[in-house]
Amino acid sequence: MARREAAPGGNIMVRPERRSTRRHVMRGAGAALLGGMASAPAMADTWPSRPVRMVSPSTGGITDLHIRIVAEKLAGRLGQQVYVDGKPGATGGISAQIAAQAPADGYTFLFIIASLIVTNPFVYEKLLYDIDRDFVPVAMMSKAGFAFLVRDGLPVRSMTELAAHIKARPGKLTIGNIAPGSLAHLATELYLQSFDGKVELVPYRTMPQVVQDLARGDIDAFMSPIGEAKPTVAGGKVRALAITTAERHDSLPDVPTMIEQGYADFDVYGWYGVLAPKRTPRAIVERMNREIASVTSAPEYRERMISLGAIPGDTGTPESFETIYKAEARRWGALIRRLGIRLE
C-alpha cells in the first residue's frame, strides 16, 4: 500500500508504506533478544572453559595473600586455572578500571577491598570507576578488623584511660596515619569524636615505617590491621588496647573490644569481596557465589583467615553483599563529609 503526500512545489509524490519494514525489524530484534537470552544459560552451562582472571588492587602483603588463597581453592573446584592479575595504583582504581573494561563473559572478576566502595568515592574528587555503573556484586569473602596499638611506655591500659590522657594533653599525643580517609583513619576519628579528643596525626607512606616508629617510641599510637598487629605486639615494645570489631579476635584473644570498654556500637572492619563486570550472565554470578561460599566455609580456609587476622564470615548472596557494602558506604560517607576529607 502507498500513501499520497504533498511534495515541495505542490506536486504529488507516492511514498511506499514502511509498516511492513518496521515489522520485519521488530521481528529481527525480538529474535536477537531471544537468542541472547538463550545464549546466557548455555554459556553458564559450559563455564568455565578457559582460565579465569581475578584482577586485584594489590601485588603483595596480606591483601594479595587473601585472594591467592581463594584463587587456588577456586581453581580446584572449577577445574580451570584461576589466576591473580595484580594491578595496583590509584588507590585501587587501576584494578577496578581494568576489570570494568573487560568483557562481561565470566572470565574476569574484580577482587576488592572495602575502601574501593565505602571510602574512595567520598574521599577522591575523581575515580576511574563507578561501582553501580560498572559492576555487579558476587560475594563477600571475609572481614578484617583493626587493633589500636600504643607504644609500651605510654602510661595507659585501656581506651578510657587513653581518652583521659588525651584530654589532659590536648594536641600532644601523636597517632600514625597511613592514608587520609582510610578505614583505619576513620576508626581513629570515630574514637576521638566520642570524647572530642585532640591529637596530632602523623602521616606515613608505608606500614613497616609506622610500625617501626611506634616500636621506637617516635609516635604514641596507631590503628593497625589486626593481621599486622599480632607480630608487632609479639615484639614486646607495643601493646594493643582494643579491637575494633564487635567480638574479640582469636589471634589477640586477651585484647578487649571497643564495645567491651564502653564504646557502644563501635564495630569497624574492612572486608574482602568479589565483583563482576556489569552484564555478566546472572547464572555465572550465582555459580561463582556458590563456589566462593564453598571455599570460605571450609575449616582450612577459616583457620588460615584467622591466622592472617581476618574474620571468616557468611558469604551470603550477591544481594546481601550489596546491602552490606551500600550500608557501609552511607555510614562512612557521612563521616568523611563531616570531617571534610577531600583529595584529588
C-alpha atoms as a PDB file:
ATOM      1  CA  MET A   1       0.000   0.000   0.000  1.00  0.00           C
ATOM      2  CA  ALA A   2       1.153   3.570  -0.660  1.00  0.00           C
ATOM      3  CA  ARG A   3       0.187   6.900   0.805  1.00  0.00           C
ATOM      4  CA  ARG A   4      -0.036  10.248  -1.020  1.00  0.00           C
ATOM      5  CA  GLU A   5       1.929  13.172   0.356  1.00  0.00           C
ATOM      6  CA  ALA A   6       2.447  16.715  -0.814  1.00  0.00           C
ATOM      7  CA  ALA A   7       5.861  17.222  -2.313  1.00  0.00           C
ATOM      8  CA  PRO A   8       7.727  20.530  -2.331  1.00  0.00           C
ATOM      9  CA  GLY A   9       6.310  22.805  -5.056  1.00  0.00           C
ATOM     10  CA  GLY A  10       2.774  21.399  -4.793  1.00  0.00           C
ATOM     11  CA  ASN A  11       3.413  18.173  -6.753  1.00  0.00           C
ATOM     12  CA  ILE A  12       2.203  14.848  -5.509  1.00  0.00           C
ATOM     13  CA  MET A  13       4.708  12.076  -4.777  1.00  0.00           C
ATOM     14  CA  VAL A  14       3.967   8.490  -3.831  1.00  0.00           C
ATOM     15  CA  ARG A  15       5.857   7.030  -0.814  1.00  0.00           C
ATOM     16  CA  PRO A  16       5.727   3.307  -0.070  1.00  0.00           C
ATOM     17  CA  GLU A  17       4.196   2.300   3.263  1.00  0.00           C
ATOM     18  CA  ARG A  18       7.015   1.308   5.657  1.00  0.00           C
ATOM     19  CA  ARG A  19       4.951  -0.520   8.266  1.00  0.00           C
ATOM     20  CA  SER A  20       5.932  -3.957   6.961  1.00  0.00           C
ATOM     21  CA  THR A  21       9.604  -2.968   7.077  1.00  0.00           C
ATOM     22  CA  ARG A  22       9.279  -1.955  10.734  1.00  0.00           C
ATOM     23  CA  ARG A  23       7.537  -5.251  11.438  1.00  0.00           C
ATOM     24  CA  HIS A  24      10.487  -7.155   9.984  1.00  0.00           C
ATOM     25  CA  VAL A  25      12.918  -5.055  12.010  1.00  0.00           C
ATOM     26  CA  MET A  26      10.960  -5.734  15.198  1.00  0.00           C
ATOM     27  CA  ARG A  27      10.872  -9.437  14.411  1.00  0.00           C
ATOM     28  CA  GLY A  28      14.627  -9.381  13.896  1.00  0.00           C
ATOM     29  CA  ALA A  29      15.224  -7.536  17.166  1.00  0.00           C
ATOM     30  CA  GLY A  30      12.964  -9.956  19.010  1.00  0.00           C
ATOM     31  CA  ALA A  31      14.822 -12.914  17.590  1.00  0.00           C
ATOM     32  CA  ALA A  32      18.140 -11.386  18.603  1.00  0.00           C
ATOM     33  CA  LEU A  33      16.854 -10.754  22.132  1.00  0.00           C
ATOM     34  CA  LEU A  34      15.578 -14.307  22.475  1.00  0.00           C
ATOM     35  CA  GLY A  35      18.836 -15.597  21.095  1.00  0.00           C
ATOM     36  CA  GLY A  36      20.767 -13.575  23.674  1.00  0.00           C
ATOM     37  CA  MET A  37      18.526 -14.839  26.458  1.00  0.00           C
ATOM     38  CA  ALA A  38      19.050 -18.380  25.311  1.00  0.00           C
ATOM     39  CA  SER A  39      22.822 -17.984  24.991  1.00  0.00           C
ATOM     40  CA  ALA A  40      23.357 -16.818  28.602  1.00  0.00           C
ATOM     41  CA  PRO A  41      22.248 -20.130  30.209  1.00  0.00           C
ATOM     42  CA  ALA A  42      24.158 -22.023  27.545  1.00  0.00           C
ATOM     43  CA  MET A  43      27.284 -20.013  28.341  1.00  0.00           C
ATOM     44  CA  ALA A  44      26.809 -20.699  32.056  1.00  0.00           C
ATOM     45  CA  ASP A  45      26.445 -24.436  31.393  1.00  0.00           C
ATOM     46  CA  THR A  46      29.879 -24.610  29.780  1.00  0.00           C
ATOM     47  CA  TRP A  47      31.560 -22.072  32.068  1.00  0.00           C
ATOM     48  CA  PRO A  48      34.445 -22.033  32.683  1.00  0.00           C
ATOM     49  CA  SER A  49      36.038 -23.481  29.583  1.00  0.00           C
ATOM     50  CA  ARG A  50      39.276 -21.500  29.955  1.00  0.00           C
ATOM     51  CA  PRO A  51      41.276 -19.750  32.726  1.00  0.00           C
ATOM     52  CA  VAL A  52      39.510 -17.198  34.921  1.00  0.00           C
ATOM     53  CA  ARG A  53      41.214 -13.920  35.823  1.00  0.00           C
ATOM     54  CA  MET A  54      40.894 -12.251  39.232  1.00  0.00           C
ATOM     55  CA  VAL A  55      42.057  -8.630  38.954  1.00  0.00           C
ATOM     56  CA  SER A  56      43.471  -7.442  42.279  1.00  0.00           C
ATOM     57  CA  PRO A  57      44.466  -3.983  43.583  1.00  0.00           C
ATOM     58  CA  SER A  58      47.498  -5.478  45.337  1.00  0.00           C
ATOM     59  CA  THR A  59      50.690  -7.275  44.369  1.00  0.00           C
ATOM     60  CA  GLY A  60      51.942  -8.196  47.811  1.00  0.00           C
ATOM     61  CA  GLY A  61      51.237  -8.342  51.518  1.00  0.00           C
ATOM     62  CA  ILE A  62      48.231  -9.715  53.353  1.00  0.00           C
ATOM     63  CA  THR A  63      45.688  -8.427  50.817  1.00  0.00           C
ATOM     64  CA  ASP A  64      47.399 -10.262  47.975  1.00  0.00           C
ATOM     65  CA  LEU A  65      47.685 -13.403  50.088  1.00  0.00           C
ATOM     66  CA  HIS A  66      43.927 -13.390  50.748  1.00  0.00           C
ATOM     67  CA  ILE A  67      42.991 -13.532  47.081  1.00  0.00           C
ATOM     68  CA  ARG A  68      45.664 -16.084  46.186  1.00  0.00           C
ATOM     69  CA  ILE A  69      44.360 -18.464  48.837  1.00  0.00           C
ATOM     70  CA  VAL A  70      40.843 -18.199  47.415  1.00  0.00           C
ATOM     71  CA  ALA A  71      42.018 -18.398  43.793  1.00  0.00           C
ATOM     72  CA  GLU A  72      43.901 -21.625  44.445  1.00  0.00           C
ATOM     73  CA  LYS A  73      40.856 -23.282  46.018  1.00  0.00           C
ATOM     74  CA  LEU A  74      38.512 -21.985  43.304  1.00  0.00           C
ATOM     75  CA  ALA A  75      40.728 -23.492  40.616  1.00  0.00           C
ATOM     76  CA  GLY A  76      40.300 -26.912  42.170  1.00  0.00           C
ATOM     77  CA  ARG A  77      36.533 -26.541  42.273  1.00  0.00           C
ATOM     78  CA  LEU A  78      36.108 -25.051  38.787  1.00  0.00           C
ATOM     79  CA  GLY A  79      38.545 -27.336  37.009  1.00  0.00           C
ATOM     80  CA  GLN A  80      40.273 -24.356  35.413  1.00  0.00           C
ATOM     81  CA  GLN A  81      43.178 -22.121  36.318  1.00  0.00           C
ATOM     82  CA  VAL A  82      42.117 -19.093  38.382  1.00  0.00           C
ATOM     83  CA  TYR A  83      44.950 -16.609  38.231  1.00  0.00           C
ATOM     84  CA  VAL A  84      45.530 -13.353  40.101  1.00  0.00           C
ATOM     85  CA  ASP A  85      46.332 -10.315  37.975  1.00  0.00           C
ATOM     86  CA  GLY A  86      47.750  -7.683  40.317  1.00  0.00           C
ATOM     87  CA  LYS A  87      47.115  -4.128  39.099  1.00  0.00           C
ATOM     88  CA  PRO A  88      47.994  -1.693  41.904  1.00  0.00           C
ATOM     89  CA  GLY A  89      47.682   2.063  41.637  1.00  0.00           C
ATOM     90  CA  ALA A  90      45.271   4.955  42.109  1.00  0.00           C
ATOM     91  CA  THR A  91      44.136   3.516  45.475  1.00  0.00           C
ATOM     92  CA  GLY A  92      42.642   0.519  43.723  1.00  0.00           C
ATOM     93  CA  GLY A  93      41.275   2.495  40.790  1.00  0.00           C
ATOM     94  CA  ILE A  94      43.563   0.917  38.186  1.00  0.00           C
ATOM     95  CA  SER A  95      42.376  -2.601  39.002  1.00  0.00           C
ATOM     96  CA  ALA A  96      38.728  -1.504  39.003  1.00  0.00           C
ATOM     97  CA  GLN A  97      39.074   0.261  35.653  1.00  0.00           C
ATOM     98  CA  ILE A  98      40.717  -2.761  34.032  1.00  0.00           C
ATOM     99  CA  ALA A  99      38.048  -5.144  35.327  1.00  0.00           C
ATOM    100  CA  ALA A 100      35.222  -2.798  34.305  1.00  0.00           C
ATOM    101  CA  GLN A 101      36.513  -2.660  30.729  1.00  0.00           C
ATOM    102  CA  ALA A 102      36.840  -6.437  30.404  1.00  0.00           C
ATOM    103  CA  PRO A 103      34.223  -8.478  28.515  1.00  0.00           C
ATOM    104  CA  ALA A 104      31.292  -9.434  30.754  1.00  0.00           C
ATOM    105  CA  ASP A 105      31.684 -13.115  29.913  1.00  0.00           C
ATOM    106  CA  GLY A 106      32.529 -14.575  33.303  1.00  0.00           C
ATOM    107  CA  TYR A 107      36.270 -14.777  32.712  1.00  0.00           C
ATOM    108  CA  THR A 108      37.228 -11.603  34.578  1.00  0.00           C
ATOM    109  CA  PHE A 109      36.320 -10.730  38.166  1.00  0.00           C
ATOM    110  CA  LEU A 110      37.462  -7.938  40.466  1.00  0.00           C
ATOM    111  CA  PHE A 111      38.829  -8.734  43.911  1.00  0.00           C
ATOM    112  CA  ILE A 112      38.063  -5.747  46.101  1.00  0.00           C
ATOM    113  CA  ILE A 113      38.884  -4.345  49.484  1.00  0.00           C
ATOM    114  CA  ALA A 114      36.280  -2.279  51.299  1.00  0.00           C
ATOM    115  CA  SER A 115      37.864   1.093  50.567  1.00  0.00           C
ATOM    116  CA  LEU A 116      37.109   0.842  46.835  1.00  0.00           C
ATOM    117  CA  ILE A 117      33.413   1.124  47.665  1.00  0.00           C
ATOM    118  CA  VAL A 118      32.926   2.613  51.117  1.00  0.00           C
ATOM    119  CA  THR A 119      35.555   5.392  51.269  1.00  0.00           C
ATOM    120  CA  ASN A 120      37.182   6.169  47.893  1.00  0.00           C
ATOM    121  CA  PRO A 121      34.039   7.617  46.262  1.00  0.00           C
ATOM    122  CA  PHE A 122      33.762  10.165  49.083  1.00  0.00           C
ATOM    123  CA  VAL A 123      37.465  10.966  49.535  1.00  0.00           C
ATOM    124  CA  TYR A 124      38.647  11.434  45.955  1.00  0.00           C
ATOM    125  CA  GLU A 125      37.485  14.086  43.516  1.00  0.00           C
ATOM    126  CA  LYS A 126      37.810  11.780  40.521  1.00  0.00           C
ATOM    127  CA  LEU A 127      37.660   7.999  40.261  1.00  0.00           C
ATOM    128  CA  LEU A 128      38.464   5.699  37.367  1.00  0.00           C
ATOM    129  CA  TYR A 129      35.379   3.604  38.060  1.00  0.00           C
ATOM    130  CA  ASP A 130      31.789   3.706  39.275  1.00  0.00           C
ATOM    131  CA  ILE A 131      30.679   0.682  41.277  1.00  0.00           C
ATOM    132  CA  ASP A 132      26.977   0.898  40.402  1.00  0.00           C
ATOM    133  CA  ARG A 133      27.608   1.617  36.724  1.00  0.00           C
ATOM    134  CA  ASP A 134      30.450  -0.820  36.123  1.00  0.00           C
ATOM    135  CA  PHE A 135      29.903  -3.848  38.361  1.00  0.00           C
ATOM    136  CA  VAL A 136      27.522  -6.343  39.916  1.00  0.00           C
ATOM    137  CA  PRO A 137      28.117  -7.934  43.345  1.00  0.00           C
ATOM    138  CA  VAL A 138      29.233 -11.552  43.579  1.00  0.00           C
ATOM    139  CA  ALA A 139      30.256 -12.423  47.149  1.00  0.00           C
ATOM    140  CA  MET A 140      31.870 -11.267  50.360  1.00  0.00           C
ATOM    141  CA  MET A 141      34.788 -13.442  51.467  1.00  0.00           C
ATOM    142  CA  SER A 142      35.946 -12.261  54.892  1.00  0.00           C
ATOM    143  CA  LYS A 143      36.211  -9.274  57.214  1.00  0.00           C
ATOM    144  CA  ALA A 144      39.273  -7.693  58.816  1.00  0.00           C
ATOM    145  CA  GLY A 145      39.214  -5.504  61.907  1.00  0.00           C
ATOM    146  CA  PHE A 146      41.770  -3.209  63.492  1.00  0.00           C
ATOM    147  CA  ALA A 147      43.732  -3.116  66.731  1.00  0.00           C
ATOM    148  CA  PHE A 148      44.532   0.151  68.486  1.00  0.00           C
ATOM    149  CA  LEU A 149      48.234  -0.004  69.350  1.00  0.00           C
ATOM    150  CA  VAL A 150      50.259   2.186  71.701  1.00  0.00           C
ATOM    151  CA  ARG A 151      53.954   2.340  72.487  1.00  0.00           C
ATOM    152  CA  ASP A 152      54.825   0.295  75.535  1.00  0.00           C
ATOM    153  CA  GLY A 153      55.929   3.316  77.571  1.00  0.00           C
ATOM    154  CA  LEU A 154      52.594   5.140  77.312  1.00  0.00           C
ATOM    155  CA  PRO A 155      51.014   5.076  80.820  1.00  0.00           C
ATOM    156  CA  VAL A 156      47.560   3.810  79.793  1.00  0.00           C
ATOM    157  CA  ARG A 157      45.981   0.346  79.881  1.00  0.00           C
ATOM    158  CA  SER A 158      42.587   0.905  78.275  1.00  0.00           C
ATOM    159  CA  MET A 159      40.836   3.120  75.766  1.00  0.00           C
ATOM    160  CA  THR A 160      39.112   5.048  78.555  1.00  0.00           C
ATOM    161  CA  GLU A 161      42.484   5.728  80.195  1.00  0.00           C
ATOM    162  CA  LEU A 162      43.838   6.798  76.821  1.00  0.00           C
ATOM    163  CA  ALA A 163      40.902   9.186  76.372  1.00  0.00           C
ATOM    164  CA  ALA A 164      41.654  10.772  79.755  1.00  0.00           C
ATOM    165  CA  HIS A 165      45.337  11.026  78.825  1.00  0.00           C
ATOM    166  CA  ILE A 166      44.478  12.783  75.550  1.00  0.00           C
ATOM    167  CA  LYS A 167      42.020  15.195  77.159  1.00  0.00           C
ATOM    168  CA  ALA A 168      44.617  16.183  79.760  1.00  0.00           C
ATOM    169  CA  ARG A 169      47.140  16.938  76.993  1.00  0.00           C
ATOM    170  CA  PRO A 170      45.168  18.263  74.002  1.00  0.00           C
ATOM    171  CA  GLY A 171      47.111  18.135  70.753  1.00  0.00           C
ATOM    172  CA  LYS A 172      50.139  16.425  72.302  1.00  0.00           C
ATOM    173  CA  LEU A 173      49.549  12.735  71.601  1.00  0.00           C
ATOM    174  CA  THR A 174      50.815  11.550  68.198  1.00  0.00           C
ATOM    175  CA  ILE A 175      48.973   8.929  66.145  1.00  0.00           C
ATOM    176  CA  GLY A 176      50.350   7.474  62.929  1.00  0.00           C
ATOM    177  CA  ASN A 177      48.145   7.696  59.838  1.00  0.00           C
ATOM    178  CA  ILE A 178      48.989   5.984  56.552  1.00  0.00           C
ATOM    179  CA  ALA A 179      46.117   7.101  54.338  1.00  0.00           C
ATOM    180  CA  PRO A 180      43.693  10.005  54.891  1.00  0.00           C
ATOM    181  CA  GLY A 181      40.149   8.720  54.628  1.00  0.00           C
ATOM    182  CA  SER A 182      41.140   5.077  55.072  1.00  0.00           C
ATOM    183  CA  LEU A 183      39.078   2.906  57.399  1.00  0.00           C
ATOM    184  CA  ALA A 184      41.923   2.899  59.938  1.00  0.00           C
ATOM    185  CA  HIS A 185      41.925   6.703  59.886  1.00  0.00           C
ATOM    186  CA  LEU A 186      38.136   6.861  60.160  1.00  0.00           C
ATOM    187  CA  ALA A 187      38.119   4.403  63.064  1.00  0.00           C
ATOM    188  CA  THR A 188      40.609   6.667  64.844  1.00  0.00           C
ATOM    189  CA  GLU A 189      38.445   9.729  64.179  1.00  0.00           C
ATOM    190  CA  LEU A 190      35.331   7.900  65.367  1.00  0.00           C
ATOM    191  CA  TYR A 191      37.054   7.185  68.671  1.00  0.00           C
ATOM    192  CA  LEU A 192      38.343  10.755  69.062  1.00  0.00           C
ATOM    193  CA  GLN A 193      34.925  12.231  68.305  1.00  0.00           C
ATOM    194  CA  SER A 194      33.388  10.219  71.137  1.00  0.00           C
ATOM    195  CA  PHE A 195      35.122  12.481  73.672  1.00  0.00           C
ATOM    196  CA  ASP A 196      36.180  15.443  71.496  1.00  0.00           C
ATOM    197  CA  GLY A 197      39.814  14.375  71.644  1.00  0.00           C
ATOM    198  CA  LYS A 198      42.553  16.456  70.020  1.00  0.00           C
ATOM    199  CA  VAL A 199      45.723  14.750  68.775  1.00  0.00           C
ATOM    200  CA  GLU A 200      48.415  15.182  66.131  1.00  0.00           C
ATOM    201  CA  LEU A 201      48.027  12.822  63.169  1.00  0.00           C
ATOM    202  CA  VAL A 202      51.439  11.977  61.731  1.00  0.00           C
ATOM    203  CA  PRO A 203      51.373  10.993  58.028  1.00  0.00           C
ATOM    204  CA  TYR A 204      53.178   7.857  56.835  1.00  0.00           C
ATOM    205  CA  ARG A 205      53.530   6.127  53.486  1.00  0.00           C
ATOM    206  CA  THR A 206      54.081   2.507  54.497  1.00  0.00           C
ATOM    207  CA  MET A 207      53.062   0.090  57.225  1.00  0.00           C
ATOM    208  CA  PRO A 208      56.630  -1.005  58.133  1.00  0.00           C
ATOM    209  CA  GLN A 209      57.661   2.610  58.659  1.00  0.00           C
ATOM    210  CA  VAL A 210      54.849   3.476  61.059  1.00  0.00           C
ATOM    211  CA  VAL A 211      55.236   0.206  62.986  1.00  0.00           C
ATOM    212  CA  GLN A 212      58.974   0.786  63.342  1.00  0.00           C
ATOM    213  CA  ASP A 213      58.461   4.327  64.656  1.00  0.00           C
ATOM    214  CA  LEU A 214      55.806   3.153  67.104  1.00  0.00           C
ATOM    215  CA  ALA A 215      58.101   0.436  68.474  1.00  0.00           C
ATOM    216  CA  ARG A 216      60.903   3.000  68.878  1.00  0.00           C
ATOM    217  CA  GLY A 217      58.580   5.403  70.676  1.00  0.00           C
ATOM    218  CA  ASP A 218      58.755   8.082  67.977  1.00  0.00           C
ATOM    219  CA  ILE A 219      54.931   8.173  67.900  1.00  0.00           C
ATOM    220  CA  ASP A 220      52.427   7.232  70.594  1.00  0.00           C
ATOM    221  CA  ALA A 221      49.751   5.186  68.843  1.00  0.00           C
ATOM    222  CA  PHE A 222      48.487   3.658  65.620  1.00  0.00           C
ATOM    223  CA  MET A 223      45.295   1.966  64.387  1.00  0.00           C
ATOM    224  CA  SER A 224      46.662  -1.185  62.767  1.00  0.00           C
ATOM    225  CA  PRO A 225      45.055  -4.007  60.796  1.00  0.00           C
ATOM    226  CA  ILE A 226      44.851  -6.998  63.127  1.00  0.00           C
ATOM    227  CA  GLY A 227      46.954  -9.095  60.766  1.00  0.00           C
ATOM    228  CA  GLU A 228      49.825  -6.621  61.081  1.00  0.00           C
ATOM    229  CA  ALA A 229      49.269  -6.055  64.804  1.00  0.00           C
ATOM    230  CA  LYS A 230      49.906  -9.590  66.031  1.00  0.00           C
ATOM    231  CA  PRO A 231      53.636  -9.804  65.151  1.00  0.00           C
ATOM    232  CA  THR A 232      54.112  -6.191  66.233  1.00  0.00           C
ATOM    233  CA  VAL A 233      52.648  -6.854  69.681  1.00  0.00           C
ATOM    234  CA  ALA A 234      54.667 -10.063  69.976  1.00  0.00           C
ATOM    235  CA  GLY A 235      57.825  -7.956  69.723  1.00  0.00           C
ATOM    236  CA  GLY A 236      57.123  -6.598  73.207  1.00  0.00           C
ATOM    237  CA  LYS A 237      57.552  -2.880  72.521  1.00  0.00           C
ATOM    238  CA  VAL A 238      53.955  -2.229  71.516  1.00  0.00           C
ATOM    239  CA  ARG A 239      50.673  -3.007  73.294  1.00  0.00           C
ATOM    240  CA  ALA A 240      47.186  -3.494  71.884  1.00  0.00           C
ATOM    241  CA  LEU A 241      44.477  -1.681  73.866  1.00  0.00           C
ATOM    242  CA  ALA A 242      41.410  -2.635  71.836  1.00  0.00           C
ATOM    243  CA  ILE A 243      39.925  -4.495  68.886  1.00  0.00           C
ATOM    244  CA  THR A 244      37.506  -2.546  66.695  1.00  0.00           C
ATOM    245  CA  THR A 245      35.195  -5.421  65.742  1.00  0.00           C
ATOM    246  CA  ALA A 246      32.143  -6.436  67.759  1.00  0.00           C
ATOM    247  CA  GLU A 247      33.839  -9.611  69.003  1.00  0.00           C
ATOM    248  CA  ARG A 248      37.372 -10.415  70.114  1.00  0.00           C
ATOM    249  CA  HIS A 249      39.755 -11.949  67.621  1.00  0.00           C
ATOM    250  CA  ASP A 250      41.364 -15.332  68.153  1.00  0.00           C
ATOM    251  CA  SER A 251      44.800 -14.016  67.172  1.00  0.00           C
ATOM    252  CA  LEU A 252      44.691 -11.488  70.070  1.00  0.00           C
ATOM    253  CA  PRO A 253      42.280 -13.211  72.485  1.00  0.00           C
ATOM    254  CA  ASP A 254      43.227 -11.144  75.545  1.00  0.00           C
ATOM    255  CA  VAL A 255      42.561  -7.794  73.873  1.00  0.00           C
ATOM    256  CA  PRO A 256      39.044  -6.457  74.627  1.00  0.00           C
ATOM    257  CA  THR A 257      36.789  -4.884  72.037  1.00  0.00           C
ATOM    258  CA  MET A 258      35.873  -1.209  71.947  1.00  0.00           C
ATOM    259  CA  ILE A 259      32.314  -2.193  72.826  1.00  0.00           C
ATOM    260  CA  GLU A 260      33.517  -4.041  75.932  1.00  0.00           C
ATOM    261  CA  GLN A 261      35.249  -0.835  77.020  1.00  0.00           C
ATOM    262  CA  GLY A 262      32.084   1.241  76.832  1.00  0.00           C
ATOM    263  CA  TYR A 263      32.098   2.485  73.236  1.00  0.00           C
ATOM    264  CA  ALA A 264      28.648   1.299  72.186  1.00  0.00           C
ATOM    265  CA  ASP A 265      28.104   0.205  68.575  1.00  0.00           C
ATOM    266  CA  PHE A 266      31.802   0.584  67.781  1.00  0.00           C
ATOM    267  CA  ASP A 267      32.087  -2.129  65.140  1.00  0.00           C
ATOM    268  CA  VAL A 268      34.624  -1.178  62.479  1.00  0.00           C
ATOM    269  CA  TYR A 269      36.063  -3.548  59.924  1.00  0.00           C
ATOM    270  CA  GLY A 270      37.302  -3.768  56.394  1.00  0.00           C
ATOM    271  CA  TRP A 271      36.406  -6.681  54.167  1.00  0.00           C
ATOM    272  CA  TYR A 272      37.364  -8.602  51.067  1.00  0.00           C
ATOM    273  CA  GLY A 273      34.938  -9.439  48.282  1.00  0.00           C
ATOM    274  CA  VAL A 274      34.412 -10.120  44.594  1.00  0.00           C
ATOM    275  CA  LEU A 275      32.578  -8.134  41.901  1.00  0.00           C
ATOM    276  CA  ALA A 276      31.914  -8.952  38.249  1.00  0.00           C
ATOM    277  CA  PRO A 277      31.707  -6.608  35.256  1.00  0.00           C
ATOM    278  CA  LYS A 278      28.200  -5.314  34.605  1.00  0.00           C
ATOM    279  CA  ARG A 279      26.078  -7.599  32.420  1.00  0.00           C
ATOM    280  CA  THR A 280      27.996 -10.737  33.403  1.00  0.00           C
ATOM    281  CA  PRO A 281      25.397 -13.523  32.999  1.00  0.00           C
ATOM    282  CA  ARG A 282      23.423 -13.982  36.193  1.00  0.00           C
ATOM    283  CA  ALA A 283      23.892 -17.753  36.106  1.00  0.00           C
ATOM    284  CA  ILE A 284      27.680 -17.312  36.151  1.00  0.00           C
ATOM    285  CA  VAL A 285      27.493 -14.788  39.012  1.00  0.00           C
ATOM    286  CA  GLU A 286      25.393 -17.228  41.037  1.00  0.00           C
ATOM    287  CA  ARG A 287      27.735 -20.116  40.256  1.00  0.00           C
ATOM    288  CA  MET A 288      30.768 -18.107  41.339  1.00  0.00           C
ATOM    289  CA  ASN A 289      28.938 -17.061  44.506  1.00  0.00           C
ATOM    290  CA  ARG A 290      28.276 -20.719  45.366  1.00  0.00           C
ATOM    291  CA  GLU A 291      31.858 -21.745  44.669  1.00  0.00           C
ATOM    292  CA  ILE A 292      33.266 -18.920  46.802  1.00  0.00           C
ATOM    293  CA  ALA A 293      30.872 -19.889  49.604  1.00  0.00           C
ATOM    294  CA  SER A 294      32.147 -23.464  49.443  1.00  0.00           C
ATOM    295  CA  VAL A 295      35.738 -22.256  49.695  1.00  0.00           C
ATOM    296  CA  THR A 296      35.174 -19.776  52.524  1.00  0.00           C
ATOM    297  CA  SER A 297      33.112 -22.178  54.638  1.00  0.00           C
ATOM    298  CA  ALA A 298      35.837 -24.843  54.694  1.00  0.00           C
ATOM    299  CA  PRO A 299      37.599 -25.247  58.096  1.00  0.00           C
ATOM    300  CA  GLU A 300      41.017 -24.970  56.427  1.00  0.00           C
ATOM    301  CA  TYR A 301      40.141 -21.579  54.947  1.00  0.00           C
ATOM    302  CA  ARG A 302      38.683 -20.293  58.202  1.00  0.00           C
ATOM    303  CA  GLU A 303      41.799 -21.270  60.147  1.00  0.00           C
ATOM    304  CA  ARG A 304      44.010 -19.591  57.572  1.00  0.00           C
ATOM    305  CA  MET A 305      42.000 -16.365  57.696  1.00  0.00           C
ATOM    306  CA  ILE A 306      42.174 -16.215  61.487  1.00  0.00           C
ATOM    307  CA  SER A 307      45.962 -16.635  61.303  1.00  0.00           C
ATOM    308  CA  LEU A 308      46.036 -13.623  58.952  1.00  0.00           C
ATOM    309  CA  GLY A 309      43.957 -11.512  61.334  1.00  0.00           C
ATOM    310  CA  ALA A 310      40.759 -11.789  59.308  1.00  0.00           C
ATOM    311  CA  ILE A 311      37.271 -12.898  60.311  1.00  0.00           C
ATOM    312  CA  PRO A 312      35.750 -15.590  58.103  1.00  0.00           C
ATOM    313  CA  GLY A 313      32.136 -14.646  57.519  1.00  0.00           C
ATOM    314  CA  ASP A 314      28.964 -15.723  55.792  1.00  0.00           C
ATOM    315  CA  THR A 315      29.359 -15.255  52.030  1.00  0.00           C
ATOM    316  CA  GLY A 316      25.615 -14.750  51.612  1.00  0.00           C
ATOM    317  CA  THR A 317      24.002 -13.903  48.290  1.00  0.00           C
ATOM    318  CA  PRO A 318      25.072 -11.230  45.799  1.00  0.00           C
ATOM    319  CA  GLU A 319      22.126  -9.141  47.038  1.00  0.00           C
ATOM    320  CA  SER A 320      23.068  -9.437  50.718  1.00  0.00           C
ATOM    321  CA  PHE A 321      26.643  -8.454  49.868  1.00  0.00           C
ATOM    322  CA  GLU A 322      25.363  -5.376  48.038  1.00  0.00           C
ATOM    323  CA  THR A 323      23.163  -4.448  51.002  1.00  0.00           C
ATOM    324  CA  ILE A 324      26.175  -4.607  53.326  1.00  0.00           C
ATOM    325  CA  TYR A 325      28.503  -2.513  51.221  1.00  0.00           C
ATOM    326  CA  LYS A 326      25.894   0.127  50.448  1.00  0.00           C
ATOM    327  CA  ALA A 327      25.101   0.499  54.156  1.00  0.00           C
ATOM    328  CA  GLU A 328      28.817   0.808  54.939  1.00  0.00           C
ATOM    329  CA  ALA A 329      29.215   3.414  52.192  1.00  0.00           C
ATOM    330  CA  ARG A 330      26.424   5.517  53.708  1.00  0.00           C
ATOM    331  CA  ARG A 331      27.959   5.224  57.160  1.00  0.00           C
ATOM    332  CA  TRP A 332      31.496   6.202  56.234  1.00  0.00           C
ATOM    333  CA  GLY A 333      30.488   8.685  53.567  1.00  0.00           C
ATOM    334  CA  ALA A 334      28.632  10.685  56.213  1.00  0.00           C
ATOM    335  CA  LEU A 335      31.696  10.749  58.493  1.00  0.00           C
ATOM    336  CA  ILE A 336      34.035  11.705  55.649  1.00  0.00           C
ATOM    337  CA  ARG A 337      31.776  14.625  54.754  1.00  0.00           C
ATOM    338  CA  ARG A 338      31.662  15.772  58.390  1.00  0.00           C
ATOM    339  CA  LEU A 339      35.445  15.662  58.586  1.00  0.00           C
ATOM    340  CA  GLY A 340      35.796  17.488  55.264  1.00  0.00           C
ATOM    341  CA  ILE A 341      38.262  14.968  53.808  1.00  0.00           C
ATOM    342  CA  ARG A 342      38.640  15.501  50.063  1.00  0.00           C
ATOM    343  CA  LEU A 343      41.651  14.630  47.903  1.00  0.00           C
ATOM    344  CA  GLU A 344      42.436  14.991  44.218  1.00  0.00           C
END
